[in-house]
Each structure stands twice: as C-alpha cells, then as structure tokens.
PDB file of N, CA and C in Angstrom:
ATOM      1  N   MET A   1     -21.539  29.087  80.739  1.00  0.00           N
ATOM      2  CA  MET A   1     -22.781  28.977  81.483  1.00  0.00           C
ATOM      3  C   MET A   1     -23.976  28.829  80.555  1.00  0.00           C
ATOM      4  N   GLY A   2     -23.761  28.826  79.260  1.00  0.00           N
ATOM      5  CA  GLY A   2     -24.866  28.662  78.320  1.00  0.00           C
ATOM      6  C   GLY A   2     -25.793  29.857  78.285  1.00  0.00           C
ATOM      7  N   LEU A   3     -25.233  31.063  78.184  1.00  0.00           N
ATOM      8  CA  LEU A   3     -26.039  32.280  78.263  1.00  0.00           C
ATOM      9  C   LEU A   3     -26.045  33.072  76.960  1.00  0.00           C
ATOM     10  N   ARG A   4     -26.016  32.417  75.841  1.00  0.00           N
ATOM     11  CA  ARG A   4     -26.061  33.117  74.556  1.00  0.00           C
ATOM     12  C   ARG A   4     -27.473  33.633  74.291  1.00  0.00           C
ATOM     13  N   GLY A   5     -27.602  34.644  73.441  1.00  0.00           N
ATOM     14  CA  GLY A   5     -28.909  35.229  73.149  1.00  0.00           C
ATOM     15  C   GLY A   5     -29.254  36.305  74.165  1.00  0.00           C
ATOM     16  N   ASN A   6     -30.512  36.723  74.200  1.00  0.00           N
ATOM     17  CA  ASN A   6     -30.916  37.722  75.185  1.00  0.00           C
ATOM     18  C   ASN A   6     -32.170  37.264  75.907  1.00  0.00           C
ATOM     19  N   ILE A   7     -32.612  38.029  76.876  1.00  0.00           N
ATOM     20  CA  ILE A   7     -33.682  37.597  77.778  1.00  0.00           C
ATOM     21  C   ILE A   7     -35.022  37.394  77.057  1.00  0.00           C
ATOM     22  N   THR A   8     -35.192  37.975  75.879  1.00  0.00           N
ATOM     23  CA  THR A   8     -36.454  37.775  75.167  1.00  0.00           C
ATOM     24  C   THR A   8     -36.560  36.380  74.564  1.00  0.00           C
ATOM     25  N   THR A   9     -35.402  35.731  74.351  1.00  0.00           N
ATOM     26  CA  THR A   9     -35.424  34.400  73.755  1.00  0.00           C
ATOM     27  C   THR A   9     -34.866  33.325  74.676  1.00  0.00           C
ATOM     28  N   ARG A  10     -34.397  33.692  75.848  1.00  0.00           N
ATOM     29  CA  ARG A  10     -33.775  32.746  76.769  1.00  0.00           C
ATOM     30  C   ARG A  10     -34.402  32.872  78.158  1.00  0.00           C
ATOM     31  N   LEU A  11     -34.150  31.875  79.008  1.00  0.00           N
ATOM     32  CA  LEU A  11     -34.611  31.929  80.397  1.00  0.00           C
ATOM     33  C   LEU A  11     -33.672  32.727  81.281  1.00  0.00           C
ATOM     34  N   LYS A  12     -32.433  32.936  80.814  1.00  0.00           N
ATOM     35  CA  LYS A  12     -31.458  33.637  81.637  1.00  0.00           C
ATOM     36  C   LYS A  12     -30.485  34.413  80.766  1.00  0.00           C
ATOM     37  N   GLN A  13     -29.893  35.464  81.371  1.00  0.00           N
ATOM     38  CA  GLN A  13     -28.930  36.291  80.669  1.00  0.00           C
ATOM     39  C   GLN A  13     -27.946  36.833  81.695  1.00  0.00           C
ATOM     40  N   CYS A  14     -26.694  36.974  81.302  1.00  0.00           N
ATOM     41  CA  CYS A  14     -25.656  37.508  82.183  1.00  0.00           C
ATOM     42  C   CYS A  14     -25.072  38.755  81.533  1.00  0.00           C
ATOM     43  N   THR A  15     -25.009  39.849  82.291  1.00  0.00           N
ATOM     44  CA  THR A  15     -24.407  41.097  81.839  1.00  0.00           C
ATOM     45  C   THR A  15     -23.258  41.399  82.787  1.00  0.00           C
ATOM     46  N   ALA A  16     -22.086  41.660  82.250  1.00  0.00           N
ATOM     47  CA  ALA A  16     -20.929  41.924  83.106  1.00  0.00           C
ATOM     48  C   ALA A  16     -20.217  43.191  82.647  1.00  0.00           C
ATOM     49  N   TYR A  17     -19.797  43.985  83.626  1.00  0.00           N
ATOM     50  CA  TYR A  17     -19.019  45.189  83.376  1.00  0.00           C
ATOM     51  C   TYR A  17     -17.997  45.298  84.493  1.00  0.00           C
ATOM     52  N   ALA A  18     -16.721  45.165  84.163  1.00  0.00           N
ATOM     53  CA  ALA A  18     -15.632  45.156  85.144  1.00  0.00           C
ATOM     54  C   ALA A  18     -15.912  44.067  86.178  1.00  0.00           C
ATOM     55  N   ASP A  19     -16.064  44.434  87.452  1.00  0.00           N
ATOM     56  CA  ASP A  19     -16.299  43.408  88.474  1.00  0.00           C
ATOM     57  C   ASP A  19     -17.767  43.342  88.904  1.00  0.00           C
ATOM     58  N   ASP A  20     -18.661  43.971  88.144  1.00  0.00           N
ATOM     59  CA  ASP A  20     -20.103  43.925  88.428  1.00  0.00           C
ATOM     60  C   ASP A  20     -20.779  42.964  87.460  1.00  0.00           C
ATOM     61  N   ILE A  21     -21.583  42.069  88.010  1.00  0.00           N
ATOM     62  CA  ILE A  21     -22.300  41.091  87.186  1.00  0.00           C
ATOM     63  C   ILE A  21     -23.779  41.185  87.517  1.00  0.00           C
ATOM     64  N   MET A  22     -24.616  41.188  86.492  1.00  0.00           N
ATOM     65  CA  MET A  22     -26.056  41.190  86.675  1.00  0.00           C
ATOM     66  C   MET A  22     -26.633  39.969  85.971  1.00  0.00           C
ATOM     67  N   LEU A  23     -27.342  39.140  86.717  1.00  0.00           N
ATOM     68  CA  LEU A  23     -28.039  37.991  86.149  1.00  0.00           C
ATOM     69  C   LEU A  23     -29.498  38.380  85.961  1.00  0.00           C
ATOM     70  N   THR A  24     -30.043  38.110  84.799  1.00  0.00           N
ATOM     71  CA  THR A  24     -31.449  38.359  84.512  1.00  0.00           C
ATOM     72  C   THR A  24     -32.069  37.013  84.163  1.00  0.00           C
ATOM     73  N   THR A  25     -33.133  36.654  84.870  1.00  0.00           N
ATOM     74  CA  THR A  25     -33.796  35.380  84.607  1.00  0.00           C
ATOM     75  C   THR A  25     -35.300  35.593  84.567  1.00  0.00           C
ATOM     76  N   ARG A  26     -35.993  34.625  84.013  1.00  0.00           N
ATOM     77  CA  ARG A  26     -37.449  34.709  83.937  1.00  0.00           C
ATOM     78  C   ARG A  26     -38.145  34.011  85.093  1.00  0.00           C
ATOM     79  N   SER A  27     -37.411  33.220  85.870  1.00  0.00           N
ATOM     80  CA  SER A  27     -38.038  32.498  86.980  1.00  0.00           C
ATOM     81  C   SER A  27     -37.083  32.409  88.165  1.00  0.00           C
ATOM     82  N   LYS A  28     -37.642  32.192  89.319  1.00  0.00           N
ATOM     83  CA  LYS A  28     -36.857  32.041  90.541  1.00  0.00           C
ATOM     84  C   LYS A  28     -35.954  30.808  90.438  1.00  0.00           C
ATOM     85  N   GLN A  29     -36.484  29.718  89.898  1.00  0.00           N
ATOM     86  CA  GLN A  29     -35.707  28.495  89.752  1.00  0.00           C
ATOM     87  C   GLN A  29     -34.508  28.717  88.830  1.00  0.00           C
ATOM     88  N   SER A  30     -34.709  29.448  87.754  1.00  0.00           N
ATOM     89  CA  SER A  30     -33.626  29.739  86.824  1.00  0.00           C
ATOM     90  C   SER A  30     -32.577  30.637  87.486  1.00  0.00           C
ATOM     91  N   LEU A  31     -33.005  31.575  88.320  1.00  0.00           N
ATOM     92  CA  LEU A  31     -32.081  32.439  89.051  1.00  0.00           C
ATOM     93  C   LEU A  31     -31.208  31.607  89.990  1.00  0.00           C
ATOM     94  N   ILE A  32     -31.826  30.717  90.734  1.00  0.00           N
ATOM     95  CA  ILE A  32     -31.090  29.875  91.684  1.00  0.00           C
ATOM     96  C   ILE A  32     -30.063  29.019  90.946  1.00  0.00           C
ATOM     97  N   TYR A  33     -30.477  28.367  89.874  1.00  0.00           N
ATOM     98  CA  TYR A  33     -29.569  27.517  89.099  1.00  0.00           C
ATOM     99  C   TYR A  33     -28.411  28.335  88.522  1.00  0.00           C
ATOM    100  N   THR A  34     -28.705  29.476  87.906  1.00  0.00           N
ATOM    101  CA  THR A  34     -27.688  30.307  87.271  1.00  0.00           C
ATOM    102  C   THR A  34     -26.719  30.870  88.303  1.00  0.00           C
ATOM    103  N   PHE A  35     -27.244  31.292  89.454  1.00  0.00           N
ATOM    104  CA  PHE A  35     -26.394  31.818  90.523  1.00  0.00           C
ATOM    105  C   PHE A  35     -25.447  30.732  91.035  1.00  0.00           C
ATOM    106  N   GLN A  36     -25.964  29.527  91.243  1.00  0.00           N
ATOM    107  CA  GLN A  36     -25.119  28.421  91.707  1.00  0.00           C
ATOM    108  C   GLN A  36     -24.022  28.110  90.689  1.00  0.00           C
ATOM    109  N   LYS A  37     -24.371  28.118  89.420  1.00  0.00           N
ATOM    110  CA  LYS A  37     -23.407  27.846  88.352  1.00  0.00           C
ATOM    111  C   LYS A  37     -22.338  28.941  88.310  1.00  0.00           C
ATOM    112  N   LEU A  38     -22.740  30.205  88.435  1.00  0.00           N
ATOM    113  CA  LEU A  38     -21.795  31.317  88.457  1.00  0.00           C
ATOM    114  C   LEU A  38     -20.841  31.175  89.642  1.00  0.00           C
ATOM    115  N   LYS A  39     -21.386  30.811  90.790  1.00  0.00           N
ATOM    116  CA  LYS A  39     -20.576  30.639  92.000  1.00  0.00           C
ATOM    117  C   LYS A  39     -19.549  29.519  91.813  1.00  0.00           C
ATOM    118  N   GLU A  40     -19.969  28.399  91.216  1.00  0.00           N
ATOM    119  CA  GLU A  40     -19.064  27.263  90.960  1.00  0.00           C
ATOM    120  C   GLU A  40     -17.942  27.640  89.998  1.00  0.00           C
ATOM    121  N   ILE A  41     -18.297  28.258  88.888  1.00  0.00           N
ATOM    122  CA  ILE A  41     -17.304  28.623  87.878  1.00  0.00           C
ATOM    123  C   ILE A  41     -16.356  29.690  88.425  1.00  0.00           C
ATOM    124  N   SER A  42     -16.874  30.644  89.178  1.00  0.00           N
ATOM    125  CA  SER A  42     -16.033  31.681  89.780  1.00  0.00           C
ATOM    126  C   SER A  42     -15.011  31.070  90.720  1.00  0.00           C
ATOM    127  N   ALA A  43     -15.437  30.105  91.516  1.00  0.00           N
ATOM    128  CA  ALA A  43     -14.537  29.449  92.479  1.00  0.00           C
ATOM    129  C   ALA A  43     -13.381  28.751  91.783  1.00  0.00           C
ATOM    130  N   GLN A  44     -13.612  28.233  90.580  1.00  0.00           N
ATOM    131  CA  GLN A  44     -12.551  27.567  89.825  1.00  0.00           C
ATOM    132  C   GLN A  44     -11.410  28.532  89.494  1.00  0.00           C
ATOM    133  N   TYR A  45     -11.719  29.826  89.444  1.00  0.00           N
ATOM    134  CA  TYR A  45     -10.718  30.851  89.140  1.00  0.00           C
ATOM    135  C   TYR A  45     -10.287  31.629  90.379  1.00  0.00           C
ATOM    136  N   GLY A  46     -10.689  31.139  91.543  1.00  0.00           N
ATOM    137  CA  GLY A  46     -10.308  31.790  92.799  1.00  0.00           C
ATOM    138  C   GLY A  46     -11.127  33.011  93.142  1.00  0.00           C
ATOM    139  N   LEU A  47     -12.259  33.197  92.497  1.00  0.00           N
ATOM    140  CA  LEU A  47     -13.131  34.343  92.761  1.00  0.00           C
ATOM    141  C   LEU A  47     -14.252  33.944  93.713  1.00  0.00           C
ATOM    142  N   ILE A  48     -14.579  34.841  94.624  1.00  0.00           N
ATOM    143  CA  ILE A  48     -15.612  34.580  95.617  1.00  0.00           C
ATOM    144  C   ILE A  48     -16.701  35.635  95.487  1.00  0.00           C
ATOM    145  N   ILE A  49     -17.948  35.221  95.491  1.00  0.00           N
ATOM    146  CA  ILE A  49     -19.079  36.151  95.429  1.00  0.00           C
ATOM    147  C   ILE A  49     -19.327  36.706  96.829  1.00  0.00           C
ATOM    148  N   ASN A  50     -19.390  38.025  96.933  1.00  0.00           N
ATOM    149  CA  ASN A  50     -19.619  38.692  98.211  1.00  0.00           C
ATOM    150  C   ASN A  50     -21.121  38.688  98.511  1.00  0.00           C
ATOM    151  N   GLY A  51     -21.522  37.896  99.486  1.00  0.00           N
ATOM    152  CA  GLY A  51     -22.931  37.774  99.841  1.00  0.00           C
ATOM    153  C   GLY A  51     -23.535  39.041 100.399  1.00  0.00           C
ATOM    154  N   HIS A  52     -22.706  39.912 101.007  1.00  0.00           N
ATOM    155  CA  HIS A  52     -23.217  41.170 101.562  1.00  0.00           C
ATOM    156  C   HIS A  52     -23.543  42.186 100.469  1.00  0.00           C
ATOM    157  N   LYS A  53     -22.855  42.091  99.340  1.00  0.00           N
ATOM    158  CA  LYS A  53     -23.096  43.017  98.231  1.00  0.00           C
ATOM    159  C   LYS A  53     -24.100  42.471  97.224  1.00  0.00           C
ATOM    160  N   THR A  54     -24.394  41.190  97.286  1.00  0.00           N
ATOM    161  CA  THR A  54     -25.273  40.555  96.308  1.00  0.00           C
ATOM    162  C   THR A  54     -26.726  40.769  96.684  1.00  0.00           C
ATOM    163  N   LYS A  55     -27.510  41.319  95.770  1.00  0.00           N
ATOM    164  CA  LYS A  55     -28.929  41.618  95.983  1.00  0.00           C
ATOM    165  C   LYS A  55     -29.733  41.011  94.839  1.00  0.00           C
ATOM    166  N   TYR A  56     -31.049  40.914  95.047  1.00  0.00           N
ATOM    167  CA  TYR A  56     -31.889  40.517  93.923  1.00  0.00           C
ATOM    168  C   TYR A  56     -33.105  41.425  93.841  1.00  0.00           C
ATOM    169  N   LEU A  57     -33.581  41.595  92.628  1.00  0.00           N
ATOM    170  CA  LEU A  57     -34.685  42.499  92.325  1.00  0.00           C
ATOM    171  C   LEU A  57     -35.730  41.721  91.543  1.00  0.00           C
ATOM    172  N   ARG A  58     -36.931  41.749  92.006  1.00  0.00           N
ATOM    173  CA  ARG A  58     -38.047  41.095  91.304  1.00  0.00           C
ATOM    174  C   ARG A  58     -38.820  42.181  90.566  1.00  0.00           C
ATOM    175  N   CYS A  59     -38.895  42.067  89.255  1.00  0.00           N
ATOM    176  CA  CYS A  59     -39.619  43.050  88.441  1.00  0.00           C
ATOM    177  C   CYS A  59     -41.013  42.531  88.121  1.00  0.00           C
ATOM    178  N   THR A  60     -42.008  43.203  88.643  1.00  0.00           N
ATOM    179  CA  THR A  60     -43.403  42.840  88.401  1.00  0.00           C
ATOM    180  C   THR A  60     -44.283  44.038  88.735  1.00  0.00           C
ATOM    181  N   ARG A  61     -45.438  44.080  88.164  1.00  0.00           N
ATOM    182  CA  ARG A  61     -46.382  45.144  88.504  1.00  0.00           C
ATOM    183  C   ARG A  61     -47.352  44.696  89.587  1.00  0.00           C
ATOM    184  N   LYS A  62     -47.246  43.427  90.004  1.00  0.00           N
ATOM    185  CA  LYS A  62     -48.087  42.900  91.074  1.00  0.00           C
ATOM    186  C   LYS A  62     -47.509  43.306  92.428  1.00  0.00           C
ATOM    187  N   ASN A  63     -48.364  43.417  93.432  1.00  0.00           N
ATOM    188  CA  ASN A  63     -47.906  43.699  94.786  1.00  0.00           C
ATOM    189  C   ASN A  63     -47.282  42.450  95.396  1.00  0.00           C
ATOM    190  N   TYR A  64     -46.218  42.625  96.151  1.00  0.00           N
ATOM    191  CA  TYR A  64     -45.567  41.505  96.819  1.00  0.00           C
ATOM    192  C   TYR A  64     -44.797  42.040  98.026  1.00  0.00           C
ATOM    193  N   ASN A  65     -44.469  41.149  98.942  1.00  0.00           N
ATOM    194  CA  ASN A  65     -43.677  41.496 100.115  1.00  0.00           C
ATOM    195  C   ASN A  65     -42.204  41.218  99.830  1.00  0.00           C
ATOM    196  N   LEU A  66     -41.332  42.081 100.354  1.00  0.00           N
ATOM    197  CA  LEU A  66     -39.893  41.847 100.209  1.00  0.00           C
ATOM    198  C   LEU A  66     -39.497  40.674 101.089  1.00  0.00           C
ATOM    199  N   GLU A  67     -38.657  39.790 100.552  1.00  0.00           N
ATOM    200  CA  GLU A  67     -38.190  38.641 101.329  1.00  0.00           C
ATOM    201  C   GLU A  67     -36.792  38.256 100.885  1.00  0.00           C
ATOM    202  N   GLU A  68     -36.028  37.703 101.800  1.00  0.00           N
ATOM    203  CA  GLU A  68     -34.703  37.208 101.453  1.00  0.00           C
ATOM    204  C   GLU A  68     -34.835  35.942 100.622  1.00  0.00           C
ATOM    205  N   LEU A  69     -33.846  35.717  99.795  1.00  0.00           N
ATOM    206  CA  LEU A  69     -33.790  34.498  98.989  1.00  0.00           C
ATOM    207  C   LEU A  69     -32.583  33.701  99.459  1.00  0.00           C
ATOM    208  N   GLN A  70     -32.807  32.469  99.859  1.00  0.00           N
ATOM    209  CA  GLN A  70     -31.701  31.622 100.301  1.00  0.00           C
ATOM    210  C   GLN A  70     -31.276  30.703  99.170  1.00  0.00           C
ATOM    211  N   ILE A  71     -29.982  30.774  98.838  1.00  0.00           N
ATOM    212  CA  ILE A  71     -29.394  29.874  97.851  1.00  0.00           C
ATOM    213  C   ILE A  71     -28.236  29.192  98.563  1.00  0.00           C
ATOM    214  N   ASN A  72     -28.422  27.911  98.843  1.00  0.00           N
ATOM    215  CA  ASN A  72     -27.490  27.148  99.681  1.00  0.00           C
ATOM    216  C   ASN A  72     -27.343  27.874 101.011  1.00  0.00           C
ATOM    217  N   SER A  73     -26.133  28.264 101.393  1.00  0.00           N
ATOM    218  CA  SER A  73     -25.939  28.919 102.690  1.00  0.00           C
ATOM    219  C   SER A  73     -25.906  30.441 102.579  1.00  0.00           C
ATOM    220  N   MET A  74     -26.167  30.976 101.387  1.00  0.00           N
ATOM    221  CA  MET A  74     -26.111  32.425 101.181  1.00  0.00           C
ATOM    222  C   MET A  74     -27.525  33.013 101.151  1.00  0.00           C
ATOM    223  N   TYR A  75     -27.713  34.132 101.861  1.00  0.00           N
ATOM    224  CA  TYR A  75     -28.996  34.828 101.874  1.00  0.00           C
ATOM    225  C   TYR A  75     -28.864  36.105 101.069  1.00  0.00           C
ATOM    226  N   LEU A  76     -29.737  36.280 100.076  1.00  0.00           N
ATOM    227  CA  LEU A  76     -29.713  37.463  99.228  1.00  0.00           C
ATOM    228  C   LEU A  76     -30.848  38.396  99.609  1.00  0.00           C
ATOM    229  N   GLU A  77     -30.510  39.648  99.842  1.00  0.00           N
ATOM    230  CA  GLU A  77     -31.502  40.664 100.187  1.00  0.00           C
ATOM    231  C   GLU A  77     -32.283  41.061  98.940  1.00  0.00           C
ATOM    232  N   GLN A  78     -33.600  41.212  99.081  1.00  0.00           N
ATOM    233  CA  GLN A  78     -34.422  41.692  97.975  1.00  0.00           C
ATOM    234  C   GLN A  78     -34.511  43.209  98.058  1.00  0.00           C
ATOM    235  N   VAL A  79     -34.352  43.879  96.932  1.00  0.00           N
ATOM    236  CA  VAL A  79     -34.423  45.331  96.863  1.00  0.00           C
ATOM    237  C   VAL A  79     -35.517  45.745  95.875  1.00  0.00           C
ATOM    238  N   GLN A  80     -35.939  47.007  95.967  1.00  0.00           N
ATOM    239  CA  GLN A  80     -36.975  47.502  95.051  1.00  0.00           C
ATOM    240  C   GLN A  80     -36.402  48.269  93.869  1.00  0.00           C
ATOM    241  N   SER A  81     -35.104  48.608  93.943  1.00  0.00           N
ATOM    242  CA  SER A  81     -34.435  49.241  92.811  1.00  0.00           C
ATOM    243  C   SER A  81     -32.949  48.908  92.884  1.00  0.00           C
ATOM    244  N   HIS A  82     -32.307  48.994  91.729  1.00  0.00           N
ATOM    245  CA  HIS A  82     -30.882  48.679  91.658  1.00  0.00           C
ATOM    246  C   HIS A  82     -30.238  49.542  90.584  1.00  0.00           C
ATOM    247  N   LYS A  83     -29.110  50.148  90.930  1.00  0.00           N
ATOM    248  CA  LYS A  83     -28.368  50.960  89.970  1.00  0.00           C
ATOM    249  C   LYS A  83     -27.279  50.110  89.349  1.00  0.00           C
ATOM    250  N   TYR A  84     -27.261  50.030  88.026  1.00  0.00           N
ATOM    251  CA  TYR A  84     -26.258  49.242  87.312  1.00  0.00           C
ATOM    252  C   TYR A  84     -25.759  50.035  86.113  1.00  0.00           C
ATOM    253  N   VAL A  85     -24.492  50.353  86.105  1.00  0.00           N
ATOM    254  CA  VAL A  85     -23.826  51.073  85.026  1.00  0.00           C
ATOM    255  C   VAL A  85     -24.614  52.324  84.606  1.00  0.00           C
ATOM    256  N   GLY A  86     -24.963  53.161  85.572  1.00  0.00           N
ATOM    257  CA  GLY A  86     -25.591  54.445  85.295  1.00  0.00           C
ATOM    258  C   GLY A  86     -27.099  54.436  85.124  1.00  0.00           C
ATOM    259  N   SER A  87     -27.741  53.284  85.151  1.00  0.00           N
ATOM    260  CA  SER A  87     -29.200  53.214  85.036  1.00  0.00           C
ATOM    261  C   SER A  87     -29.770  52.558  86.283  1.00  0.00           C
ATOM    262  N   THR A  88     -30.908  53.076  86.738  1.00  0.00           N
ATOM    263  CA  THR A  88     -31.584  52.496  87.889  1.00  0.00           C
ATOM    264  C   THR A  88     -32.783  51.707  87.397  1.00  0.00           C
ATOM    265  N   VAL A  89     -32.808  50.425  87.716  1.00  0.00           N
ATOM    266  CA  VAL A  89     -33.925  49.554  87.366  1.00  0.00           C
ATOM    267  C   VAL A  89     -34.796  49.420  88.609  1.00  0.00           C
ATOM    268  N   ASN A  90     -36.114  49.600  88.443  1.00  0.00           N
ATOM    269  CA  ASN A  90     -37.051  49.530  89.554  1.00  0.00           C
ATOM    270  C   ASN A  90     -37.896  48.269  89.472  1.00  0.00           C
ATOM    271  N   SER A  91     -38.462  47.878  90.611  1.00  0.00           N
ATOM    272  CA  SER A  91     -39.246  46.644  90.670  1.00  0.00           C
ATOM    273  C   SER A  91     -40.527  46.709  89.845  1.00  0.00           C
ATOM    274  N   ASP A  92     -40.960  47.900  89.431  1.00  0.00           N
ATOM    275  CA  ASP A  92     -42.166  48.012  88.595  1.00  0.00           C
ATOM    276  C   ASP A  92     -41.822  48.017  87.109  1.00  0.00           C
ATOM    277  N   ASN A  93     -40.602  47.577  86.772  1.00  0.00           N
ATOM    278  CA  ASN A  93     -40.106  47.475  85.393  1.00  0.00           C
ATOM    279  C   ASN A  93     -39.778  48.809  84.736  1.00  0.00           C
ATOM    280  N   SER A  94     -39.656  49.877  85.514  1.00  0.00           N
ATOM    281  CA  SER A  94     -39.276  51.167  84.930  1.00  0.00           C
ATOM    282  C   SER A  94     -37.773  51.359  85.093  1.00  0.00           C
ATOM    283  N   ILE A  95     -37.182  52.178  84.210  1.00  0.00           N
ATOM    284  CA  ILE A  95     -35.748  52.441  84.232  1.00  0.00           C
ATOM    285  C   ILE A  95     -35.546  53.938  84.272  1.00  0.00           C
ATOM    286  N   GLU A  96     -34.656  54.391  85.137  1.00  0.00           N
ATOM    287  CA  GLU A  96     -34.273  55.792  85.216  1.00  0.00           C
ATOM    288  C   GLU A  96     -32.808  55.877  84.811  1.00  0.00           C
ATOM    289  N   GLU A  97     -32.521  56.634  83.763  1.00  0.00           N
ATOM    290  CA  GLU A  97     -31.140  56.745  83.301  1.00  0.00           C
ATOM    291  C   GLU A  97     -30.541  58.065  83.752  1.00  0.00           C
ATOM    292  N   GLU A  98     -29.256  58.023  84.116  1.00  0.00           N
ATOM    293  CA  GLU A  98     -28.530  59.244  84.460  1.00  0.00           C
ATOM    294  C   GLU A  98     -28.086  59.940  83.184  1.00  0.00           C
ATOM    295  N   ILE A  99     -28.093  61.243  83.219  1.00  0.00           N
ATOM    296  CA  ILE A  99     -27.643  62.000  82.047  1.00  0.00           C
ATOM    297  C   ILE A  99     -26.385  62.755  82.418  1.00  0.00           C
TER     298      ILE A  99
END
C-alpha cells in the first residue's frame, strides 16, 4: 500500500496488531484512498472489512459536528475517542494510556 515511514513524513500510515488495523492520514481524501486500497487488497486474500466495527476519528482542536463518512457503499461512524491497543486517542489530540 506504499505506507513506509511515519505520519510526520507521510500522508498516511497503517498500524496493525492481530486483527485490528488503524489508518492514520493527514487528509480526508487520503483516508478515502487508503481505505479503498486496504479494502481491495484485503479482498484478494478473502478478508472482508466489517463496516459495523469500522469507525473514524478526526483529531483537531477546532469545533466540528460529528458526521458519517461514506466511502463507496460503506458508511463509517465518526467517534470522539477510540481505544487501540491499551491507549485511548481523543478527538482533541490527547492520549490516555492504561497502566
């Protein structure tokens, strides 16, 4: 998928742990493209992305309204926080780690 490097030097990054995958992108367009590419490559191996479990988080300090994101026929719910591998990432760019 062309995801070498990290988010400070790239437009997108993929983090995977077991069956959990987190895509980090700098723009909505990059998220849509990367998600579509992940979906295509996964299908080649017989893997299907569960649309009910797939969420997206927008990190910004600006105020905004929560809205669904449509990528092809899949609708992704927007959340204000997400727990990934023991850390909770919040929409205001703060992280809460479990001890």
